[in-house]
Amino acid sequence: MYFISYGVVEVDVEPEPVRLRDGDFFGELGLLHDMPRSATVRTVTPCRLLALDKNDLIDLLEEDGDLRAAITEVAEQRLAQRSDP
């Protein structure tokens, strides 16, 4: 999972690419749902990304309920968008 410290990335998803910016994150679906990567992400501007592996993510989510709720909500929205026709 990656957090964008600064910069802009573009996520190649249908029906059109999505841009993520400072403070956004991606890659959570793979960690939370043991899923393979579902999109290609490319930098649009110079970026600083912070990586978090599955064990550290689980520890962090157990410690911080607010963060768990925020990441889970985004993950569920993204998962629902993948399954919408």
PDB file of N, CA and C in Angstrom:
ATOM      1  N   MET A   1       0.853  -1.165   0.000  1.00  0.00           N
ATOM      2  CA  MET A   1       0.000   0.000   0.000  1.00  0.00           C
ATOM      3  C   MET A   1       0.893   1.219   0.000  1.00  0.00           C
ATOM      4  N   TYR A   2       0.450   2.266  -0.693  1.00  0.00           N
ATOM      5  CA  TYR A   2       1.240   3.494  -0.788  1.00  0.00           C
ATOM      6  C   TYR A   2       0.401   4.708  -0.392  1.00  0.00           C
ATOM      7  N   PHE A   3       1.031   5.597   0.351  1.00  0.00           N
ATOM      8  CA  PHE A   3       0.442   6.890   0.694  1.00  0.00           C
ATOM      9  C   PHE A   3       1.216   7.945  -0.089  1.00  0.00           C
ATOM     10  N   ILE A   4       0.499   8.918  -0.620  1.00  0.00           N
ATOM     11  CA  ILE A   4       1.141   9.981  -1.393  1.00  0.00           C
ATOM     12  C   ILE A   4       1.485  11.118  -0.441  1.00  0.00           C
ATOM     13  N   SER A   5       2.759  11.272  -0.161  1.00  0.00           N
ATOM     14  CA  SER A   5       3.223  12.358   0.695  1.00  0.00           C
ATOM     15  C   SER A   5       3.110  13.673  -0.061  1.00  0.00           C
ATOM     16  N   TYR A   6       3.583  13.661  -1.300  1.00  0.00           N
ATOM     17  CA  TYR A   6       3.332  14.784  -2.204  1.00  0.00           C
ATOM     18  C   TYR A   6       3.408  14.303  -3.631  1.00  0.00           C
ATOM     19  N   GLY A   7       2.719  15.031  -4.500  1.00  0.00           N
ATOM     20  CA  GLY A   7       2.722  14.704  -5.914  1.00  0.00           C
ATOM     21  C   GLY A   7       1.353  14.250  -6.391  1.00  0.00           C
ATOM     22  N   VAL A   8       1.317  13.883  -7.676  1.00  0.00           N
ATOM     23  CA  VAL A   8       0.081  13.445  -8.321  1.00  0.00           C
ATOM     24  C   VAL A   8       0.377  12.159  -9.083  1.00  0.00           C
ATOM     25  N   VAL A   9      -0.520  11.178  -8.901  1.00  0.00           N
ATOM     26  CA  VAL A   9      -0.440   9.935  -9.663  1.00  0.00           C
ATOM     27  C   VAL A   9      -1.751   9.746 -10.413  1.00  0.00           C
ATOM     28  N   GLU A  10      -1.696   8.923 -11.442  1.00  0.00           N
ATOM     29  CA  GLU A  10      -2.897   8.599 -12.189  1.00  0.00           C
ATOM     30  C   GLU A  10      -3.109   7.095 -12.135  1.00  0.00           C
ATOM     31  N   VAL A  11      -4.324   6.696 -11.750  1.00  0.00           N
ATOM     32  CA  VAL A  11      -4.685   5.290 -11.637  1.00  0.00           C
ATOM     33  C   VAL A  11      -5.474   4.919 -12.885  1.00  0.00           C
ATOM     34  N   ASP A  12      -4.988   3.926 -13.602  1.00  0.00           N
ATOM     35  CA  ASP A  12      -5.596   3.502 -14.856  1.00  0.00           C
ATOM     36  C   ASP A  12      -6.757   2.554 -14.566  1.00  0.00           C
ATOM     37  N   VAL A  13      -7.955   3.127 -14.392  1.00  0.00           N
ATOM     38  CA  VAL A  13      -9.172   2.356 -14.135  1.00  0.00           C
ATOM     39  C   VAL A  13     -10.245   2.778 -15.129  1.00  0.00           C
ATOM     40  N   GLU A  14     -11.233   1.924 -15.300  1.00  0.00           N
ATOM     41  CA  GLU A  14     -12.359   2.210 -16.181  1.00  0.00           C
ATOM     42  C   GLU A  14     -13.476   2.868 -15.390  1.00  0.00           C
ATOM     43  N   PRO A  15     -14.247   3.768 -15.936  1.00  0.00           N
ATOM     44  CA  PRO A  15     -14.273   4.127 -17.344  1.00  0.00           C
ATOM     45  C   PRO A  15     -13.227   5.167 -17.738  1.00  0.00           C
ATOM     46  N   GLU A  16     -12.604   5.806 -16.737  1.00  0.00           N
ATOM     47  CA  GLU A  16     -11.562   6.782 -17.046  1.00  0.00           C
ATOM     48  C   GLU A  16     -10.563   6.837 -15.900  1.00  0.00           C
ATOM     49  N   PRO A  17      -9.331   7.227 -16.185  1.00  0.00           N
ATOM     50  CA  PRO A  17      -8.307   7.292 -15.134  1.00  0.00           C
ATOM     51  C   PRO A  17      -8.702   8.248 -14.007  1.00  0.00           C
ATOM     52  N   VAL A  18      -8.185   7.954 -12.826  1.00  0.00           N
ATOM     53  CA  VAL A  18      -8.443   8.774 -11.637  1.00  0.00           C
ATOM     54  C   VAL A  18      -7.114   9.331 -11.156  1.00  0.00           C
ATOM     55  N   ARG A  19      -7.107  10.601 -10.800  1.00  0.00           N
ATOM     56  CA  ARG A  19      -5.902  11.216 -10.251  1.00  0.00           C
ATOM     57  C   ARG A  19      -5.996  11.280  -8.736  1.00  0.00           C
ATOM     58  N   LEU A  20      -4.892  10.903  -8.102  1.00  0.00           N
ATOM     59  CA  LEU A  20      -4.775  10.970  -6.648  1.00  0.00           C
ATOM     60  C   LEU A  20      -3.668  11.946  -6.304  1.00  0.00           C
ATOM     61  N   ARG A  21      -3.824  12.632  -5.184  1.00  0.00           N
ATOM     62  CA  ARG A  21      -2.898  13.701  -4.798  1.00  0.00           C
ATOM     63  C   ARG A  21      -2.426  13.532  -3.360  1.00  0.00           C
ATOM     64  N   ASP A  22      -1.703  14.539  -2.899  1.00  0.00           N
ATOM     65  CA  ASP A  22      -1.183  14.561  -1.524  1.00  0.00           C
ATOM     66  C   ASP A  22      -2.223  14.043  -0.535  1.00  0.00           C
ATOM     67  N   GLY A  23      -1.825  13.085   0.295  1.00  0.00           N
ATOM     68  CA  GLY A  23      -2.699  12.558   1.330  1.00  0.00           C
ATOM     69  C   GLY A  23      -3.540  11.372   0.898  1.00  0.00           C
ATOM     70  N   ASP A  24      -3.655  11.131  -0.401  1.00  0.00           N
ATOM     71  CA  ASP A  24      -4.413   9.976  -0.885  1.00  0.00           C
ATOM     72  C   ASP A  24      -3.559   8.718  -0.771  1.00  0.00           C
ATOM     73  N   PHE A  25      -4.178   7.584  -1.007  1.00  0.00           N
ATOM     74  CA  PHE A  25      -3.459   6.310  -0.937  1.00  0.00           C
ATOM     75  C   PHE A  25      -4.006   5.364  -1.993  1.00  0.00           C
ATOM     76  N   PHE A  26      -3.230   4.327  -2.276  1.00  0.00           N
ATOM     77  CA  PHE A  26      -3.665   3.283  -3.201  1.00  0.00           C
ATOM     78  C   PHE A  26      -2.967   1.977  -2.834  1.00  0.00           C
ATOM     79  N   GLY A  27      -3.517   0.882  -3.352  1.00  0.00           N
ATOM     80  CA  GLY A  27      -2.942  -0.427  -3.070  1.00  0.00           C
ATOM     81  C   GLY A  27      -3.545  -1.124  -1.870  1.00  0.00           C
ATOM     82  N   GLU A  28      -4.539  -0.502  -1.251  1.00  0.00           N
ATOM     83  CA  GLU A  28      -5.133  -1.075  -0.036  1.00  0.00           C
ATOM     84  C   GLU A  28      -5.952  -2.323  -0.325  1.00  0.00           C
ATOM     85  N   LEU A  29      -6.560  -2.406  -1.505  1.00  0.00           N
ATOM     86  CA  LEU A  29      -7.401  -3.564  -1.804  1.00  0.00           C
ATOM     87  C   LEU A  29      -6.596  -4.851  -1.785  1.00  0.00           C
ATOM     88  N   GLY A  30      -5.419  -4.808  -2.338  1.00  0.00           N
ATOM     89  CA  GLY A  30      -4.574  -5.995  -2.352  1.00  0.00           C
ATOM     90  C   GLY A  30      -4.244  -6.479  -0.953  1.00  0.00           C
ATOM     91  N   LEU A  31      -3.997  -5.542  -0.049  1.00  0.00           N
ATOM     92  CA  LEU A  31      -3.635  -5.910   1.319  1.00  0.00           C
ATOM     93  C   LEU A  31      -4.845  -6.328   2.149  1.00  0.00           C
ATOM     94  N   LEU A  32      -5.924  -5.597   2.024  1.00  0.00           N
ATOM     95  CA  LEU A  32      -7.098  -5.871   2.854  1.00  0.00           C
ATOM     96  C   LEU A  32      -7.878  -7.096   2.398  1.00  0.00           C
ATOM     97  N   HIS A  33      -7.859  -7.365   1.089  1.00  0.00           N
ATOM     98  CA  HIS A  33      -8.685  -8.443   0.538  1.00  0.00           C
ATOM     99  C   HIS A  33      -7.872  -9.545  -0.134  1.00  0.00           C
ATOM    100  N   ASP A  34      -6.557  -9.526   0.061  1.00  0.00           N
ATOM    101  CA  ASP A  34      -5.677 -10.522  -0.566  1.00  0.00           C
ATOM    102  C   ASP A  34      -5.983 -10.668  -2.063  1.00  0.00           C
ATOM    103  N   MET A  35      -6.058  -9.523  -2.730  1.00  0.00           N
ATOM    104  CA  MET A  35      -6.365  -9.495  -4.157  1.00  0.00           C
ATOM    105  C   MET A  35      -5.114  -9.140  -4.946  1.00  0.00           C
ATOM    106  N   PRO A  36      -5.048  -9.616  -6.183  1.00  0.00           N
ATOM    107  CA  PRO A  36      -3.940  -9.169  -7.036  1.00  0.00           C
ATOM    108  C   PRO A  36      -4.125  -7.705  -7.403  1.00  0.00           C
ATOM    109  N   ARG A  37      -3.058  -7.085  -7.849  1.00  0.00           N
ATOM    110  CA  ARG A  37      -3.104  -5.694  -8.279  1.00  0.00           C
ATOM    111  C   ARG A  37      -4.195  -5.531  -9.343  1.00  0.00           C
ATOM    112  N   SER A  38      -4.992  -4.479  -9.235  1.00  0.00           N
ATOM    113  CA  SER A  38      -6.126  -4.302 -10.138  1.00  0.00           C
ATOM    114  C   SER A  38      -5.971  -3.118 -11.079  1.00  0.00           C
ATOM    115  N   ALA A  39      -4.906  -2.346 -10.931  1.00  0.00           N
ATOM    116  CA  ALA A  39      -4.737  -1.169 -11.789  1.00  0.00           C
ATOM    117  C   ALA A  39      -3.263  -0.811 -11.874  1.00  0.00           C
ATOM    118  N   THR A  40      -2.942  -0.095 -12.925  1.00  0.00           N
ATOM    119  CA  THR A  40      -1.606   0.468 -13.081  1.00  0.00           C
ATOM    120  C   THR A  40      -1.634   1.898 -12.580  1.00  0.00           C
ATOM    121  N   VAL A  41      -0.623   2.276 -11.820  1.00  0.00           N
ATOM    122  CA  VAL A  41      -0.530   3.636 -11.291  1.00  0.00           C
ATOM    123  C   VAL A  41       0.753   4.255 -11.828  1.00  0.00           C
ATOM    124  N   ARG A  42       0.611   5.461 -12.405  1.00  0.00           N
ATOM    125  CA  ARG A  42       1.755   6.179 -12.971  1.00  0.00           C
ATOM    126  C   ARG A  42       1.855   7.555 -12.329  1.00  0.00           C
ATOM    127  N   THR A  43       3.078   8.004 -12.141  1.00  0.00           N
ATOM    128  CA  THR A  43       3.250   9.358 -11.618  1.00  0.00           C
ATOM    129  C   THR A  43       2.970  10.373 -12.714  1.00  0.00           C
ATOM    130  N   VAL A  44       2.354  11.472 -12.329  1.00  0.00           N
ATOM    131  CA  VAL A  44       2.081  12.584 -13.238  1.00  0.00           C
ATOM    132  C   VAL A  44       3.069  13.712 -12.958  1.00  0.00           C
ATOM    133  N   THR A  45       3.411  13.849 -11.690  1.00  0.00           N
ATOM    134  CA  THR A  45       4.389  14.843 -11.250  1.00  0.00           C
ATOM    135  C   THR A  45       5.421  14.112 -10.390  1.00  0.00           C
ATOM    136  N   PRO A  46       6.536  14.766 -10.073  1.00  0.00           N
ATOM    137  CA  PRO A  46       7.438  14.141  -9.100  1.00  0.00           C
ATOM    138  C   PRO A  46       6.664  13.856  -7.810  1.00  0.00           C
ATOM    139  N   CYS A  47       6.931  12.698  -7.213  1.00  0.00           N
ATOM    140  CA  CYS A  47       6.165  12.243  -6.048  1.00  0.00           C
ATOM    141  C   CYS A  47       7.080  11.721  -4.959  1.00  0.00           C
ATOM    142  N   ARG A  48       6.577  11.772  -3.755  1.00  0.00           N
ATOM    143  CA  ARG A  48       7.164  11.025  -2.649  1.00  0.00           C
ATOM    144  C   ARG A  48       6.049  10.104  -2.150  1.00  0.00           C
ATOM    145  N   LEU A  49       6.315   8.804  -2.226  1.00  0.00           N
ATOM    146  CA  LEU A  49       5.349   7.802  -1.794  1.00  0.00           C
ATOM    147  C   LEU A  49       5.887   7.097  -0.561  1.00  0.00           C
ATOM    148  N   LEU A  50       5.003   6.810   0.362  1.00  0.00           N
ATOM    149  CA  LEU A  50       5.354   6.081   1.570  1.00  0.00           C
ATOM    150  C   LEU A  50       4.726   4.695   1.466  1.00  0.00           C
ATOM    151  N   ALA A  51       5.525   3.654   1.584  1.00  0.00           N
ATOM    152  CA  ALA A  51       5.039   2.282   1.444  1.00  0.00           C
ATOM    153  C   ALA A  51       4.728   1.673   2.805  1.00  0.00           C
ATOM    154  N   LEU A  52       3.682   0.867   2.827  1.00  0.00           N
ATOM    155  CA  LEU A  52       3.272   0.194   4.047  1.00  0.00           C
ATOM    156  C   LEU A  52       2.962  -1.255   3.688  1.00  0.00           C
ATOM    157  N   ASP A  53       3.623  -2.211   4.352  1.00  0.00           N
ATOM    158  CA  ASP A  53       3.352  -3.614   4.039  1.00  0.00           C
ATOM    159  C   ASP A  53       2.147  -4.100   4.850  1.00  0.00           C
ATOM    160  N   LYS A  54       1.694  -5.317   4.540  1.00  0.00           N
ATOM    161  CA  LYS A  54       0.462  -5.824   5.133  1.00  0.00           C
ATOM    162  C   LYS A  54       0.530  -5.914   6.653  1.00  0.00           C
ATOM    163  N   ASN A  55       1.621  -6.426   7.192  1.00  0.00           N
ATOM    164  CA  ASN A  55       1.716  -6.558   8.648  1.00  0.00           C
ATOM    165  C   ASN A  55       1.658  -5.208   9.343  1.00  0.00           C
ATOM    166  N   ASP A  56       2.364  -4.229   8.786  1.00  0.00           N
ATOM    167  CA  ASP A  56       2.342  -2.893   9.384  1.00  0.00           C
ATOM    168  C   ASP A  56       0.965  -2.253   9.241  1.00  0.00           C
ATOM    169  N   LEU A  57       0.295  -2.486   8.114  1.00  0.00           N
ATOM    170  CA  LEU A  57      -1.056  -1.949   7.936  1.00  0.00           C
ATOM    171  C   LEU A  57      -1.998  -2.539   8.985  1.00  0.00           C
ATOM    172  N   ILE A  58      -1.947  -3.827   9.176  1.00  0.00           N
ATOM    173  CA  ILE A  58      -2.813  -4.470  10.169  1.00  0.00           C
ATOM    174  C   ILE A  58      -2.555  -3.898  11.563  1.00  0.00           C
ATOM    175  N   ASP A  59      -1.287  -3.762  11.924  1.00  0.00           N
ATOM    176  CA  ASP A  59      -0.951  -3.181  13.231  1.00  0.00           C
ATOM    177  C   ASP A  59      -1.508  -1.770  13.361  1.00  0.00           C
ATOM    178  N   LEU A  60      -1.333  -0.967  12.325  1.00  0.00           N
ATOM    179  CA  LEU A  60      -1.800   0.413  12.340  1.00  0.00           C
ATOM    180  C   LEU A  60      -3.321   0.484  12.464  1.00  0.00           C
ATOM    181  N   LEU A  61      -4.029  -0.359  11.727  1.00  0.00           N
ATOM    182  CA  LEU A  61      -5.493  -0.352  11.773  1.00  0.00           C
ATOM    183  C   LEU A  61      -6.021  -0.819  13.123  1.00  0.00           C
ATOM    184  N   GLU A  62      -5.295  -1.720  13.770  1.00  0.00           N
ATOM    185  CA  GLU A  62      -5.702  -2.171  15.106  1.00  0.00           C
ATOM    186  C   GLU A  62      -5.523  -1.069  16.140  1.00  0.00           C
ATOM    187  N   GLU A  63      -4.537  -0.206  15.930  1.00  0.00           N
ATOM    188  CA  GLU A  63      -4.239   0.868  16.881  1.00  0.00           C
ATOM    189  C   GLU A  63      -5.112   2.105  16.694  1.00  0.00           C
ATOM    190  N   ASP A  64      -5.559   2.356  15.468  1.00  0.00           N
ATOM    191  CA  ASP A  64      -6.241   3.618  15.171  1.00  0.00           C
ATOM    192  C   ASP A  64      -7.590   3.356  14.497  1.00  0.00           C
ATOM    193  N   GLY A  65      -8.640   3.392  15.279  1.00  0.00           N
ATOM    194  CA  GLY A  65      -9.987   3.128  14.772  1.00  0.00           C
ATOM    195  C   GLY A  65     -10.449   4.112  13.718  1.00  0.00           C
ATOM    196  N   ASP A  66     -10.077   5.383  13.874  1.00  0.00           N
ATOM    197  CA  ASP A  66     -10.481   6.388  12.885  1.00  0.00           C
ATOM    198  C   ASP A  66      -9.818   6.126  11.537  1.00  0.00           C
ATOM    199  N   LEU A  67      -8.537   5.791  11.573  1.00  0.00           N
ATOM    200  CA  LEU A  67      -7.829   5.478  10.335  1.00  0.00           C
ATOM    201  C   LEU A  67      -8.395   4.210   9.714  1.00  0.00           C
ATOM    202  N   ARG A  68      -8.688   3.218  10.548  1.00  0.00           N
ATOM    203  CA  ARG A  68      -9.283   1.974  10.047  1.00  0.00           C
ATOM    204  C   ARG A  68     -10.594   2.278   9.326  1.00  0.00           C
ATOM    205  N   ALA A  69     -11.438   3.109   9.921  1.00  0.00           N
ATOM    206  CA  ALA A  69     -12.722   3.446   9.311  1.00  0.00           C
ATOM    207  C   ALA A  69     -12.521   4.175   7.979  1.00  0.00           C
ATOM    208  N   ALA A  70     -11.585   5.104   7.937  1.00  0.00           N
ATOM    209  CA  ALA A  70     -11.351   5.875   6.711  1.00  0.00           C
ATOM    210  C   ALA A  70     -10.825   4.988   5.577  1.00  0.00           C
ATOM    211  N   ILE A  71      -9.839   4.152   5.878  1.00  0.00           N
ATOM    212  CA  ILE A  71      -9.258   3.293   4.839  1.00  0.00           C
ATOM    213  C   ILE A  71     -10.263   2.242   4.394  1.00  0.00           C
ATOM    214  N   THR A  72     -11.000   1.678   5.334  1.00  0.00           N
ATOM    215  CA  THR A  72     -12.003   0.669   4.998  1.00  0.00           C
ATOM    216  C   THR A  72     -13.101   1.256   4.123  1.00  0.00           C
ATOM    217  N   GLU A  73     -13.531   2.470   4.426  1.00  0.00           N
ATOM    218  CA  GLU A  73     -14.582   3.118   3.631  1.00  0.00           C
ATOM    219  C   GLU A  73     -14.128   3.325   2.185  1.00  0.00           C
ATOM    220  N   VAL A  74     -12.928   3.842   2.006  1.00  0.00           N
ATOM    221  CA  VAL A  74     -12.405   4.056   0.652  1.00  0.00           C
ATOM    222  C   VAL A  74     -12.251   2.722  -0.075  1.00  0.00           C
ATOM    223  N   ALA A  75     -11.734   1.717   0.622  1.00  0.00           N
ATOM    224  CA  ALA A  75     -11.544   0.401   0.015  1.00  0.00           C
ATOM    225  C   ALA A  75     -12.872  -0.195  -0.443  1.00  0.00           C
ATOM    226  N   GLU A  76     -13.897  -0.085   0.369  1.00  0.00           N
ATOM    227  CA  GLU A  76     -15.208  -0.622   0.002  1.00  0.00           C
ATOM    228  C   GLU A  76     -15.811   0.131  -1.185  1.00  0.00           C
ATOM    229  N   GLN A  77     -15.622   1.451  -1.233  1.00  0.00           N
ATOM    230  CA  GLN A  77     -16.097   2.227  -2.386  1.00  0.00           C
ATOM    231  C   GLN A  77     -15.388   1.791  -3.659  1.00  0.00           C
ATOM    232  N   ARG A  78     -14.086   1.612  -3.580  1.00  0.00           N
ATOM    233  CA  ARG A  78     -13.317   1.202  -4.746  1.00  0.00           C
ATOM    234  C   ARG A  78     -13.687  -0.207  -5.186  1.00  0.00           C
ATOM    235  N   LEU A  79     -13.913  -1.078  -4.238  1.00  0.00           N
ATOM    236  CA  LEU A  79     -14.305  -2.439  -4.554  1.00  0.00           C
ATOM    237  C   LEU A  79     -15.681  -2.458  -5.233  1.00  0.00           C
ATOM    238  N   ALA A  80     -16.603  -1.639  -4.743  1.00  0.00           N
ATOM    239  CA  ALA A  80     -17.932  -1.554  -5.344  1.00  0.00           C
ATOM    240  C   ALA A  80     -17.851  -0.999  -6.769  1.00  0.00           C
ATOM    241  N   GLN A  81     -16.976  -0.028  -7.005  1.00  0.00           N
ATOM    242  CA  GLN A  81     -16.827   0.538  -8.351  1.00  0.00           C
ATOM    243  C   GLN A  81     -16.289  -0.497  -9.323  1.00  0.00           C
ATOM    244  N   ARG A  82     -15.459  -1.390  -8.850  1.00  0.00           N
ATOM    245  CA  ARG A  82     -14.906  -2.444  -9.713  1.00  0.00           C
ATOM    246  C   ARG A  82     -15.979  -3.405 -10.164  1.00  0.00           C
ATOM    247  N   SER A  83     -16.977  -3.650  -9.305  1.00  0.00           N
ATOM    248  CA  SER A  83     -17.999  -4.637  -9.634  1.00  0.00           C
ATOM    249  C   SER A  83     -19.217  -4.035 -10.315  1.00  0.00           C
ATOM    250  N   ASP A  84     -19.302  -2.702 -10.392  1.00  0.00           N
ATOM    251  CA  ASP A  84     -20.419  -2.062 -11.101  1.00  0.00           C
ATOM    252  C   ASP A  84     -20.241  -2.270 -12.597  1.00  0.00           C
ATOM    253  N   PRO A  85     -21.354  -2.597 -13.298  1.00  0.00           N
ATOM    254  CA  PRO A  85     -21.242  -2.794 -14.753  1.00  0.00           C
ATOM    255  C   PRO A  85     -20.951  -1.520 -15.492  1.00  0.00           C
TER     256      PRO A  85
END
